[in-house]
C-alpha atoms as a PDB file:
ATOM      1  CA  MET A   1      -0.007   0.004  -0.003  1.00  0.00           C
ATOM      2  CA  PHE A   2       2.657   2.572   1.086  1.00  0.00           C
ATOM      3  CA  LYS A   3       5.380   1.754  -1.554  1.00  0.00           C
ATOM      4  CA  ASN A   4       4.159   4.308  -3.922  1.00  0.00           C
ATOM      5  CA  PHE A   5       3.554   7.144  -1.353  1.00  0.00           C
ATOM      6  CA  LYS A   6       5.555  10.246  -2.028  1.00  0.00           C
ATOM      7  CA  LYS A   7       5.208  12.075   1.207  1.00  0.00           C
ATOM      8  CA  THR A   8       6.024   9.200   3.324  1.00  0.00           C
ATOM      9  CA  GLN A   9       8.700   7.303   1.483  1.00  0.00           C
ATOM     10  CA  PHE A  10      10.440   6.362   4.883  1.00  0.00           C
ATOM     11  CA  LEU A  11       7.530   3.890   5.495  1.00  0.00           C
ATOM     12  CA  LYS A  12       8.684   1.594   2.797  1.00  0.00           C
ATOM     13  CA  LYS A  13      11.816   0.811   4.597  1.00  0.00           C
ATOM     14  CA  ASP A  14      10.591   1.011   8.183  1.00  0.00           C
ATOM     15  CA  LEU A  15       7.535  -1.238   7.530  1.00  0.00           C
ATOM     16  CA  VAL A  16      10.026  -3.836   6.304  1.00  0.00           C
ATOM     17  CA  ILE A  17      11.818  -3.502   9.521  1.00  0.00           C
ATOM     18  CA  LEU A  18       8.673  -3.862  11.518  1.00  0.00           C
ATOM     19  CA  ASP A  19       7.860  -7.094   9.752  1.00  0.00           C
ATOM     20  CA  GLU A  20      11.216  -8.412  10.587  1.00  0.00           C
ATOM     21  CA  TYR A  21      10.589  -7.459  14.316  1.00  0.00           C
ATOM     22  CA  ILE A  22       7.335  -9.230  14.217  1.00  0.00           C
ATOM     23  CA  LYS A  23       8.973 -12.308  12.739  1.00  0.00           C
ATOM     24  CA  SER A  24      11.352 -12.348  15.440  1.00  0.00           C
ATOM     25  CA  ILE A  25       8.579 -12.298  18.072  1.00  0.00           C
ATOM     26  CA  VAL A  26       6.761 -15.003  16.471  1.00  0.00           C
ATOM     27  CA  LYS A  27      10.014 -17.098  16.304  1.00  0.00           C
ATOM     28  CA  ASP A  28      10.653 -16.614  20.017  1.00  0.00           C
ATOM     29  CA  MET A  29       7.134 -17.858  20.891  1.00  0.00           C
ATOM     30  CA  SER A  30       6.517 -21.550  22.018  1.00  0.00           C
ATOM     31  CA  ASP A  31       6.192 -24.159  19.269  1.00  0.00           C
ATOM     32  CA  MET A  32       2.522 -24.260  19.443  1.00  0.00           C
ATOM     33  CA  LEU A  33       1.814 -20.417  19.715  1.00  0.00           C
ATOM     34  CA  SER A  34       4.381 -19.881  16.724  1.00  0.00           C
ATOM     35  CA  GLU A  35       2.595 -22.497  14.728  1.00  0.00           C
ATOM     36  CA  VAL A  36      -0.909 -20.914  15.388  1.00  0.00           C
ATOM     37  CA  LEU A  37      -0.038 -17.295  15.065  1.00  0.00           C
ATOM     38  CA  ALA A  38       2.424 -17.249  12.266  1.00  0.00           C
ATOM     39  CA  SER A  39      -0.114 -16.937   9.511  1.00  0.00           C
ATOM     40  CA  PRO A  40      -2.405 -14.118  11.097  1.00  0.00           C
ATOM     41  CA  LEU A  41       0.761 -12.069  12.132  1.00  0.00           C
ATOM     42  CA  LEU A  42       3.049 -12.518   9.196  1.00  0.00           C
ATOM     43  CA  THR A  43       0.755 -12.878   6.020  1.00  0.00           C
ATOM     44  CA  GLY A  44      -1.406 -10.312   4.397  1.00  0.00           C
ATOM     45  CA  GLY A  45      -2.558  -6.943   5.834  1.00  0.00           C
ATOM     46  CA  LYS A  46      -1.651  -3.651   4.829  1.00  0.00           C
ATOM     47  CA  ARG A  47      -0.032  -2.568   8.172  1.00  0.00           C
ATOM     48  CA  ILE A  48      -2.058   0.584   8.085  1.00  0.00           C
ATOM     49  CA  ARG A  49      -2.409   1.020  11.791  1.00  0.00           C
ATOM     50  CA  PRO A  50       1.255   0.965  12.599  1.00  0.00           C
ATOM     51  CA  ALA A  51       1.903   3.116   9.470  1.00  0.00           C
ATOM     52  CA  LEU A  52      -0.284   5.688  11.055  1.00  0.00           C
ATOM     53  CA  PHE A  53       1.477   5.506  14.088  1.00  0.00           C
ATOM     54  CA  LEU A  54       4.812   6.038  12.389  1.00  0.00           C
ATOM     55  CA  ILE A  55       3.528   8.884  10.387  1.00  0.00           C
ATOM     56  CA  CYS A  56       2.235  10.674  13.614  1.00  0.00           C
ATOM     57  CA  ALA A  57       5.603   9.918  15.352  1.00  0.00           C
ATOM     58  CA  LYS A  58       7.636  11.434  12.575  1.00  0.00           C
ATOM     59  CA  ASN A  59       9.739  14.387  13.724  1.00  0.00           C
ATOM     60  CA  ASP A  60      13.510  15.420  13.877  1.00  0.00           C
ATOM     61  CA  LYS A  61      14.144  12.825  16.615  1.00  0.00           C
ATOM     62  CA  TYR A  62      12.329  10.050  14.781  1.00  0.00           C
ATOM     63  CA  ASP A  63      14.087   6.721  15.710  1.00  0.00           C
ATOM     64  CA  ILE A  64      12.459   3.418  14.141  1.00  0.00           C
ATOM     65  CA  GLY A  65      14.200   1.320  16.751  1.00  0.00           C
ATOM     66  CA  TYR A  66      12.656   3.125  19.738  1.00  0.00           C
ATOM     67  CA  LEU A  67       9.251   2.919  17.977  1.00  0.00           C
ATOM     68  CA  LEU A  68       9.157  -0.719  17.012  1.00  0.00           C
ATOM     69  CA  PRO A  69       7.657  -2.114  20.299  1.00  0.00           C
ATOM     70  CA  ALA A  70       4.800   0.308  20.043  1.00  0.00           C
ATOM     71  CA  ALA A  71       4.322  -0.269  16.132  1.00  0.00           C
ATOM     72  CA  ALA A  72       4.347  -4.013  16.876  1.00  0.00           C
ATOM     73  CA  GLY A  73       2.033  -3.753  19.807  1.00  0.00           C
ATOM     74  CA  ILE A  74      -0.504  -1.852  17.811  1.00  0.00           C
ATOM     75  CA  GLU A  75      -0.466  -4.525  14.954  1.00  0.00           C
ATOM     76  CA  ILE A  76      -0.728  -7.486  17.533  1.00  0.00           C
ATOM     77  CA  LEU A  77      -3.531  -5.831  19.272  1.00  0.00           C
ATOM     78  CA  HIS A  78      -5.354  -5.479  15.848  1.00  0.00           C
ATOM     79  CA  THR A  79      -4.587  -9.092  14.898  1.00  0.00           C
ATOM     80  CA  ALA A  80      -5.980 -10.187  18.457  1.00  0.00           C
ATOM     81  CA  SER A  81      -9.382  -8.426  17.771  1.00  0.00           C
ATOM     82  CA  LEU A  82      -9.556  -9.975  14.287  1.00  0.00           C
ATOM     83  CA  ILE A  83      -9.078 -13.534  15.779  1.00  0.00           C
ATOM     84  CA  HIS A  84     -11.868 -13.051  18.210  1.00  0.00           C
ATOM     85  CA  ASP A  85     -14.050 -11.200  15.501  1.00  0.00           C
ATOM     86  CA  ASP A  86     -13.610 -14.222  13.286  1.00  0.00           C
ATOM     87  CA  ILE A  87     -14.755 -16.599  16.076  1.00  0.00           C
ATOM     88  CA  ILE A  88     -17.904 -14.566  16.750  1.00  0.00           C
ATOM     89  CA  ASP A  89     -18.737 -14.423  12.901  1.00  0.00           C
ATOM     90  CA  ASN A  90     -17.746 -18.057  12.397  1.00  0.00           C
ATOM     91  CA  SER A  91     -15.594 -16.783   9.459  1.00  0.00           C
ATOM     92  CA  PHE A  92     -13.863 -19.332   7.186  1.00  0.00           C
ATOM     93  CA  LEU A  93     -11.276 -16.967   5.699  1.00  0.00           C
ATOM     94  CA  ARG A  94      -9.142 -14.086   6.641  1.00  0.00           C
ATOM     95  CA  ARG A  95      -6.954 -12.436   4.267  1.00  0.00           C
ATOM     96  CA  GLY A  96      -7.290 -15.438   1.856  1.00  0.00           C
ATOM     97  CA  ASN A  97      -6.242 -17.974   4.471  1.00  0.00           C
ATOM     98  CA  LYS A  98      -8.297 -20.291   6.677  1.00  0.00           C
ATOM     99  CA  THR A  99      -9.052 -18.760  10.124  1.00  0.00           C
ATOM    100  CA  ILE A 100      -7.546 -20.227  13.246  1.00  0.00           C
ATOM    101  CA  HIS A 101     -10.667 -21.644  14.559  1.00  0.00           C
ATOM    102  CA  ASN A 102     -11.102 -23.607  11.276  1.00  0.00           C
ATOM    103  CA  ILE A 103      -7.675 -24.771  11.231  1.00  0.00           C
ATOM    104  CA  TYR A 104      -7.681 -25.917  14.922  1.00  0.00           C
ATOM    105  CA  ASP A 105     -10.676 -25.153  17.094  1.00  0.00           C
ATOM    106  CA  LYS A 106     -12.457 -22.138  18.717  1.00  0.00           C
ATOM    107  CA  ASP A 107     -10.661 -22.634  22.116  1.00  0.00           C
ATOM    108  CA  THR A 108      -7.293 -22.583  20.592  1.00  0.00           C
ATOM    109  CA  ALA A 109      -8.244 -19.381  18.569  1.00  0.00           C
ATOM    110  CA  ARG A 110      -9.709 -17.788  21.653  1.00  0.00           C
ATOM    111  CA  TYR A 111      -6.626 -18.476  23.710  1.00  0.00           C
ATOM    112  CA  ALA A 112      -4.290 -17.385  20.967  1.00  0.00           C
ATOM    113  CA  GLY A 113      -6.261 -14.071  20.590  1.00  0.00           C
ATOM    114  CA  ASP A 114      -5.958 -13.655  24.269  1.00  0.00           C
ATOM    115  CA  TYR A 115      -2.369 -14.200  24.336  1.00  0.00           C
ATOM    116  CA  LEU A 116      -1.862 -11.500  21.745  1.00  0.00           C
ATOM    117  CA  PHE A 117      -3.873  -8.986  23.757  1.00  0.00           C
ATOM    118  CA  THR A 118      -1.516  -9.563  26.782  1.00  0.00           C
ATOM    119  CA  TYR A 119       1.499  -9.565  24.506  1.00  0.00           C
ATOM    120  CA  ALA A 120       0.547  -6.098  23.172  1.00  0.00           C
ATOM    121  CA  PHE A 121       0.485  -4.683  26.759  1.00  0.00           C
ATOM    122  CA  TYR A 122       3.858  -6.340  27.380  1.00  0.00           C
ATOM    123  CA  LEU A 123       5.306  -4.580  24.417  1.00  0.00           C
ATOM    124  CA  LEU A 124       3.990  -1.140  25.299  1.00  0.00           C
ATOM    125  CA  ASN A 125       5.091  -1.533  29.037  1.00  0.00           C
ATOM    126  CA  SER A 126       8.790  -0.913  27.486  1.00  0.00           C
ATOM    127  CA  TYR A 127       7.663   2.873  27.511  1.00  0.00           C
ATOM    128  CA  SER A 128       7.579   4.469  31.084  1.00  0.00           C
ATOM    129  CA  ASN A 129       4.677   6.587  30.116  1.00  0.00           C
ATOM    130  CA  HIS A 130       1.269   6.332  32.057  1.00  0.00           C
ATOM    131  CA  LEU A 131      -0.514   8.011  29.143  1.00  0.00           C
ATOM    132  CA  ILE A 132       0.235   5.070  26.863  1.00  0.00           C
ATOM    133  CA  HIS A 133      -0.883   2.484  29.371  1.00  0.00           C
ATOM    134  CA  LYS A 134      -4.049   4.545  29.796  1.00  0.00           C
ATOM    135  CA  GLU A 135      -4.754   4.898  26.056  1.00  0.00           C
ATOM    136  CA  MET A 136      -3.927   1.063  25.630  1.00  0.00           C
ATOM    137  CA  SER A 137      -6.445   0.217  28.262  1.00  0.00           C
ATOM    138  CA  ASN A 138      -9.294   2.469  27.070  1.00  0.00           C
ATOM    139  CA  THR A 139      -8.936   1.050  23.462  1.00  0.00           C
ATOM    140  CA  SER A 140      -8.817  -2.558  24.695  1.00  0.00           C
ATOM    141  CA  GLN A 141     -12.082  -1.806  26.543  1.00  0.00           C
ATOM    142  CA  SER A 142     -13.592  -0.283  23.477  1.00  0.00           C
ATOM    143  CA  LEU A 143     -12.628  -3.261  21.418  1.00  0.00           C
ATOM    144  CA  VAL A 144     -14.122  -5.758  23.835  1.00  0.00           C
ATOM    145  CA  MET A 145     -17.399  -3.523  24.104  1.00  0.00           C
ATOM    146  CA  GLY A 146     -17.589  -3.562  20.304  1.00  0.00           C
ATOM    147  CA  GLU A 147     -17.592  -7.160  20.189  1.00  0.00           C
ATOM    148  CA  PHE A 148     -20.276  -7.210  22.801  1.00  0.00           C
ATOM    149  CA  ASP A 149     -22.367  -4.666  20.995  1.00  0.00           C
ATOM    150  CA  GLN A 150     -22.022  -6.676  17.740  1.00  0.00           C
ATOM    151  CA  LEU A 151     -23.368  -9.804  19.454  1.00  0.00           C
ATOM    152  CA  LYS A 152     -26.139  -7.838  20.904  1.00  0.00           C
ATOM    153  CA  THR A 153     -27.260  -6.114  17.702  1.00  0.00           C
ATOM    154  CA  LYS A 154     -26.715  -9.345  15.477  1.00  0.00           C
ATOM    155  CA  SER A 155     -29.695  -9.858  13.274  1.00  0.00           C
ATOM    156  CA  PHE A 156     -31.548  -6.793  14.793  1.00  0.00           C
ATOM    157  CA  LEU A 157     -33.142  -5.304  11.834  1.00  0.00           C
ATOM    158  CA  GLU A 158     -34.533  -2.144  13.760  1.00  0.00           C
ATOM    159  CA  GLN A 159     -31.160  -0.957  14.730  1.00  0.00           C
ATOM    160  CA  SER A 160     -30.552   2.697  13.913  1.00  0.00           C
ATOM    161  CA  GLU A 161     -27.643   4.241  12.053  1.00  0.00           C
ATOM    162  CA  LYS A 162     -26.649   5.842  15.309  1.00  0.00           C
ATOM    163  CA  VAL A 163     -26.117   2.377  16.937  1.00  0.00           C
ATOM    164  CA  TYR A 164     -24.176   1.180  13.994  1.00  0.00           C
ATOM    165  CA  LEU A 165     -21.760   4.149  14.164  1.00  0.00           C
ATOM    166  CA  GLU A 166     -21.247   3.907  17.797  1.00  0.00           C
ATOM    167  CA  LYS A 167     -20.547   0.117  17.259  1.00  0.00           C
ATOM    168  CA  ILE A 168     -17.800   0.709  14.580  1.00  0.00           C
ATOM    169  CA  ASN A 169     -16.397   3.586  16.562  1.00  0.00           C
ATOM    170  CA  GLU A 170     -15.619   0.913  19.400  1.00  0.00           C
ATOM    171  CA  LYS A 171     -14.529  -1.867  17.008  1.00  0.00           C
ATOM    172  CA  THR A 172     -12.628  -0.032  14.272  1.00  0.00           C
ATOM    173  CA  SER A 173     -12.012   3.647  14.914  1.00  0.00           C
ATOM    174  CA  SER A 174     -10.826   3.033  18.488  1.00  0.00           C
ATOM    175  CA  LEU A 175      -7.615   1.281  17.039  1.00  0.00           C
ATOM    176  CA  PHE A 176      -7.029   3.936  14.464  1.00  0.00           C
ATOM    177  CA  LYS A 177      -7.296   6.588  17.128  1.00  0.00           C
ATOM    178  CA  LEU A 178      -4.865   4.670  19.446  1.00  0.00           C
ATOM    179  CA  SER A 179      -2.371   4.397  16.505  1.00  0.00           C
ATOM    180  CA  CYS A 180      -2.329   8.062  15.866  1.00  0.00           C
ATOM    181  CA  VAL A 181      -2.399   9.261  19.499  1.00  0.00           C
ATOM    182  CA  LEU A 182       0.448   6.890  20.420  1.00  0.00           C
ATOM    183  CA  GLY A 183       2.515   8.396  17.586  1.00  0.00           C
ATOM    184  CA  GLY A 184       1.840  11.799  18.958  1.00  0.00           C
ATOM    185  CA  ILE A 185       2.765  10.848  22.528  1.00  0.00           C
ATOM    186  CA  LEU A 186       6.012   9.147  21.633  1.00  0.00           C
ATOM    187  CA  SER A 187       7.167  12.058  19.578  1.00  0.00           C
ATOM    188  CA  GLY A 188       6.496  14.547  22.376  1.00  0.00           C
ATOM    189  CA  SER A 189       3.748  16.353  20.424  1.00  0.00           C
ATOM    190  CA  GLU A 190       1.729  19.165  21.815  1.00  0.00           C
ATOM    191  CA  GLU A 191      -1.692  18.199  23.415  1.00  0.00           C
ATOM    192  CA  LYS A 192      -3.585  19.985  20.720  1.00  0.00           C
ATOM    193  CA  ASP A 193      -1.729  17.892  17.900  1.00  0.00           C
ATOM    194  CA  ILE A 194      -2.487  14.749  19.848  1.00  0.00           C
ATOM    195  CA  GLU A 195      -6.045  15.499  20.016  1.00  0.00           C
ATOM    196  CA  ASN A 196      -6.172  16.266  16.329  1.00  0.00           C
ATOM    197  CA  MET A 197      -4.505  12.998  15.713  1.00  0.00           C
ATOM    198  CA  ARG A 198      -7.157  11.237  17.808  1.00  0.00           C
ATOM    199  CA  LYS A 199      -9.868  13.003  15.746  1.00  0.00           C
ATOM    200  CA  PHE A 200      -8.095  12.129  12.529  1.00  0.00           C
ATOM    201  CA  GLY A 201      -7.946   8.541  13.413  1.00  0.00           C
ATOM    202  CA  GLY A 202     -11.551   8.449  14.486  1.00  0.00           C
ATOM    203  CA  PHE A 203     -12.670  10.001  11.021  1.00  0.00           C
ATOM    204  CA  LEU A 204     -10.465   7.636   9.080  1.00  0.00           C
ATOM    205  CA  GLY A 205     -11.404   4.502  11.000  1.00  0.00           C
ATOM    206  CA  MET A 206     -15.151   5.497  10.231  1.00  0.00           C
ATOM    207  CA  ALA A 207     -14.310   5.637   6.543  1.00  0.00           C
ATOM    208  CA  PHE A 208     -12.291   2.521   6.531  1.00  0.00           C
ATOM    209  CA  GLN A 209     -14.917   0.355   8.242  1.00  0.00           C
ATOM    210  CA  ILE A 210     -17.897   1.661   5.940  1.00  0.00           C
ATOM    211  CA  ASN A 211     -15.829   1.073   2.797  1.00  0.00           C
ATOM    212  CA  ASP A 212     -15.063  -2.424   4.109  1.00  0.00           C
ATOM    213  CA  ASP A 213     -18.799  -2.974   4.385  1.00  0.00           C
ATOM    214  CA  LEU A 214     -19.217  -1.870   0.709  1.00  0.00           C
ATOM    215  CA  ILE A 215     -16.354  -4.323  -0.141  1.00  0.00           C
ATOM    216  CA  ASP A 216     -18.332  -7.158   1.464  1.00  0.00           C
ATOM    217  CA  ILE A 217     -21.376  -6.559  -0.558  1.00  0.00           C
ATOM    218  CA  ASN A 218     -19.666  -5.984  -3.965  1.00  0.00           C
ATOM    219  CA  ILE A 219     -20.912  -8.959  -6.013  1.00  0.00           C
ATOM    220  CA  ASN A 220     -18.704  -7.672  -9.078  1.00  0.00           C
ATOM    221  CA  LYS A 221     -15.419  -8.228  -7.055  1.00  0.00           C
ATOM    222  CA  PRO A 222     -14.050 -11.861  -6.944  1.00  0.00           C
ATOM    223  CA  ALA A 223     -13.783 -13.269  -3.433  1.00  0.00           C
ATOM    224  CA  ASP A 224     -10.013 -14.134  -4.010  1.00  0.00           C
ATOM    225  CA  LYS A 225      -9.312 -10.425  -4.586  1.00  0.00           C
ATOM    226  CA  VAL A 226     -11.052  -9.736  -1.182  1.00  0.00           C
ATOM    227  CA  GLY A 227      -9.547 -12.373   0.868  1.00  0.00           C
ATOM    228  CA  LYS A 228     -12.872 -13.507   2.253  1.00  0.00           C
ATOM    229  CA  PRO A 229     -16.376 -14.598   0.863  1.00  0.00           C
ATOM    230  CA  ILE A 230     -18.454 -11.918  -0.477  1.00  0.00           C
ATOM    231  CA  GLY A 231     -21.584 -11.123   1.391  1.00  0.00           C
ATOM    232  CA  ASN A 232     -20.153 -12.629   4.652  1.00  0.00           C
ATOM    233  CA  ASP A 233     -21.931  -9.940   6.791  1.00  0.00           C
ATOM    234  CA  VAL A 234     -25.178 -10.818   5.302  1.00  0.00           C
ATOM    235  CA  ARG A 235     -24.883 -14.424   5.842  1.00  0.00           C
ATOM    236  CA  GLN A 236     -23.743 -13.989   9.400  1.00  0.00           C
ATOM    237  CA  GLY A 237     -26.470 -11.628  10.240  1.00  0.00           C
ATOM    238  CA  ASN A 238     -24.273  -8.558  10.908  1.00  0.00           C
ATOM    239  CA  ILE A 239     -26.373  -5.342  10.158  1.00  0.00           C
ATOM    240  CA  THR A 240     -24.032  -3.047   8.427  1.00  0.00           C
ATOM    241  CA  LEU A 241     -24.676   0.397   6.938  1.00  0.00           C
ATOM    242  CA  PRO A 242     -25.604  -0.742   3.457  1.00  0.00           C
ATOM    243  CA  ILE A 243     -28.183  -3.083   5.143  1.00  0.00           C
ATOM    244  CA  ILE A 244     -29.540  -0.241   7.262  1.00  0.00           C
ATOM    245  CA  TYR A 245     -29.807   2.045   4.126  1.00  0.00           C
ATOM    246  CA  ALA A 246     -31.429  -0.846   2.208  1.00  0.00           C
ATOM    247  CA  LEU A 247     -34.028  -1.325   4.979  1.00  0.00           C
ATOM    248  CA  ARG A 248     -35.021   2.430   4.341  1.00  0.00           C
ATOM    249  CA  ASP A 249     -35.323   2.077   0.649  1.00  0.00           C
ATOM    250  CA  ASN A 250     -38.962   1.783  -0.188  1.00  0.00           C
ATOM    251  CA  LYS A 251     -38.221  -0.088  -3.497  1.00  0.00           C
ATOM    252  CA  ILE A 252     -36.475  -3.010  -1.801  1.00  0.00           C
ATOM    253  CA  ASN A 253     -36.865  -2.978   1.955  1.00  0.00           C
ATOM    254  CA  SER A 254     -39.919  -5.155   2.062  1.00  0.00           C
ATOM    255  CA  GLU A 255     -38.283  -8.022   0.137  1.00  0.00           C
ATOM    256  CA  ILE A 256     -35.082  -7.705   2.020  1.00  0.00           C
ATOM    257  CA  LYS A 257     -36.742  -7.734   5.456  1.00  0.00           C
ATOM    258  CA  LYS A 258     -38.739 -10.682   4.471  1.00  0.00           C
ATOM    259  CA  LEU A 259     -35.543 -12.549   3.428  1.00  0.00           C
ATOM    260  CA  LEU A 260     -33.546 -11.598   6.447  1.00  0.00           C
ATOM    261  CA  LYS A 261     -36.426 -12.781   8.752  1.00  0.00           C
ATOM    262  CA  LYS A 262     -36.552 -16.396   7.129  1.00  0.00           C
ATOM    263  CA  LYS A 263     -35.768 -19.120   9.630  1.00  0.00           C
ATOM    264  CA  ASP A 264     -34.369 -21.236   6.783  1.00  0.00           C
ATOM    265  CA  PHE A 265     -32.206 -18.313   5.430  1.00  0.00           C
ATOM    266  CA  SER A 266     -30.174 -19.742   2.472  1.00  0.00           C
ATOM    267  CA  GLU A 267     -27.340 -18.963   0.124  1.00  0.00           C
ATOM    268  CA  ASN A 268     -29.882 -18.024  -2.497  1.00  0.00           C
ATOM    269  CA  ASP A 269     -31.550 -15.661  -0.066  1.00  0.00           C
ATOM    270  CA  ALA A 270     -28.096 -13.999   0.607  1.00  0.00           C
ATOM    271  CA  ASP A 271     -27.438 -13.753  -3.086  1.00  0.00           C
ATOM    272  CA  ARG A 272     -30.863 -12.193  -3.643  1.00  0.00           C
ATOM    273  CA  ILE A 273     -30.169  -9.486  -0.955  1.00  0.00           C
ATOM    274  CA  LEU A 274     -26.839  -8.690  -2.288  1.00  0.00           C
ATOM    275  CA  LYS A 275     -28.330  -8.297  -5.870  1.00  0.00           C
ATOM    276  CA  LEU A 276     -31.028  -6.048  -4.677  1.00  0.00           C
ATOM    277  CA  ILE A 277     -28.662  -3.758  -2.928  1.00  0.00           C
ATOM    278  CA  ASN A 278     -26.140  -3.616  -5.683  1.00  0.00           C
ATOM    279  CA  GLU A 279     -28.893  -2.574  -8.150  1.00  0.00           C
ATOM    280  CA  SER A 280     -30.305   0.073  -5.837  1.00  0.00           C
ATOM    281  CA  GLU A 281     -29.215   3.747  -4.830  1.00  0.00           C
ATOM    282  CA  VAL A 282     -27.921   2.356  -1.590  1.00  0.00           C
ATOM    283  CA  ILE A 283     -24.247   1.877  -2.784  1.00  0.00           C
ATOM    284  CA  GLU A 284     -23.955   5.509  -3.752  1.00  0.00           C
ATOM    285  CA  ILE A 285     -25.498   6.732  -0.670  1.00  0.00           C
ATOM    286  CA  VAL A 286     -23.052   4.629   1.439  1.00  0.00           C
ATOM    287  CA  ARG A 287     -20.030   5.858  -0.683  1.00  0.00           C
ATOM    288  CA  LYS A 288     -21.032   9.454   0.023  1.00  0.00           C
ATOM    289  CA  LYS A 289     -20.835   8.562   3.793  1.00  0.00           C
ATOM    290  CA  VAL A 290     -17.301   7.354   3.333  1.00  0.00           C
ATOM    291  CA  PHE A 291     -16.412  10.541   1.432  1.00  0.00           C
ATOM    292  CA  TYR A 292     -17.839  12.608   4.331  1.00  0.00           C
ATOM    293  CA  TYR A 293     -15.518  10.976   6.919  1.00  0.00           C
ATOM    294  CA  LEU A 294     -12.470  11.192   4.542  1.00  0.00           C
ATOM    295  CA  ILE A 295     -13.055  14.818   3.966  1.00  0.00           C
ATOM    296  CA  GLU A 296     -13.303  15.449   7.675  1.00  0.00           C
ATOM    297  CA  ALA A 297     -10.146  13.488   8.171  1.00  0.00           C
ATOM    298  CA  LYS A 298      -8.271  15.541   5.730  1.00  0.00           C
ATOM    299  CA  ARG A 299      -9.477  18.748   7.330  1.00  0.00           C
ATOM    300  CA  ILE A 300      -8.225  17.701  10.728  1.00  0.00           C
ATOM    301  CA  ALA A 301      -4.812  16.616   9.120  1.00  0.00           C
ATOM    302  CA  SER A 302      -4.302  19.982   7.767  1.00  0.00           C
ATOM    303  CA  GLU A 303      -4.145  21.398  11.357  1.00  0.00           C
ATOM    304  CA  ILE A 304      -1.389  18.994  12.674  1.00  0.00           C
ATOM    305  CA  LYS A 305       2.066  20.393  12.894  1.00  0.00           C
ATOM    306  CA  GLY A 306       4.892  18.983  10.885  1.00  0.00           C
ATOM    307  CA  SER A 307       4.813  18.830   7.083  1.00  0.00           C
ATOM    308  CA  VAL A 308       5.683  15.185   6.788  1.00  0.00           C
ATOM    309  CA  ARG A 309       3.021  14.127   9.326  1.00  0.00           C
ATOM    310  CA  ARG A 310       0.458  16.476   7.851  1.00  0.00           C
ATOM    311  CA  ASN A 311       1.110  15.409   4.224  1.00  0.00           C
ATOM    312  CA  GLY A 312       1.414  11.852   5.198  1.00  0.00           C
ATOM    313  CA  LEU A 313      -2.023  11.650   6.790  1.00  0.00           C
ATOM    314  CA  VAL A 314      -3.519  13.444   3.786  1.00  0.00           C
ATOM    315  CA  GLU A 315      -1.860  10.932   1.496  1.00  0.00           C
ATOM    316  CA  VAL A 316      -3.431   8.072   3.373  1.00  0.00           C
ATOM    317  CA  CYS A 317      -6.873   9.911   2.918  1.00  0.00           C
ATOM    318  CA  ASP A 318      -6.219  10.143  -0.777  1.00  0.00           C
ATOM    319  CA  TYR A 319      -5.234   6.645  -1.069  1.00  0.00           C
ATOM    320  CA  LEU A 320      -8.349   5.332   0.593  1.00  0.00           C
ATOM    321  CA  THR A 321     -10.419   7.831  -1.611  1.00  0.00           C
ATOM    322  CA  GLY A 322      -9.083   5.884  -4.595  1.00  0.00           C
ATOM    323  CA  THR A 323     -10.018   2.630  -3.334  1.00  0.00           C
ATOM    324  CA  ILE A 324     -13.675   3.434  -2.329  1.00  0.00           C
ATOM    325  CA  GLU A 325     -15.892   0.645  -3.636  1.00  0.00           C
ATOM    326  CA  ARG A 326     -17.526   1.224  -6.984  1.00  0.00           C
ATOM    327  CA  ASN A 327     -20.212  -1.058  -8.673  1.00  0.00           C
END
């Protein structure tokens, strides 16, 4: 993702260094953990969260060696949340590979995810800064609450857009915010800049997740390009923003609601829902929502001190703008 970036060329080299650092962590794990966690930690993934951290940490005293534990901790915390998410959704694939609970079992996956949560805290403990520990604790609580809220609202067709946005703020944006804020803290940034980084991460995380919802329902994109089955959210009963908007569309809402309420919900039913949404105006409405959050993120980025940081964050927004799902 970052190899063609002009404003943040340092990321290409430093993300390779980070990958090597994570490899060394996996290698030092016990044989069982190393075997279980090698795939989710070492294959696939854009490393967008640690990249945001490094961008926000960029200043005249930037030292990748000093920043590695935090960058790895952020990626490991993210991986832990994905493992738990896959268990809840009973997902078969993640980044094109079989999920841990499908290779082994749910108990193995659950304990592997728990181990990564604790290891992320271990890595961040290398910094004697109470603000880092506070941010990590708050983010971990948000991630867990997000999982609880996803379970609570699963298949609940009447949930509002407000409830959905609060849920993805916990599940996705919280980790984006953490990545940016830790970069600000470890670079000794002013409090105003750190708070702007938090806002930026929040807006970018919202855009990222809603775009991911669009990817999930795009029947024109092959599953092997996505790394997971298309329509997985619909099949798992996860009510995403495209579903919420589709249930408001007078042209398709009655049929979609009828299909989603079926006790014997089938693959054909899921395919029909995806077709209805892709042929409606819902896609364009959701895309506009993604653009809204990206515009807000860029606005906040323009207020952050440091040209490399400011331009780097804008470049991330521009990249995501170019990838917003089109049907």
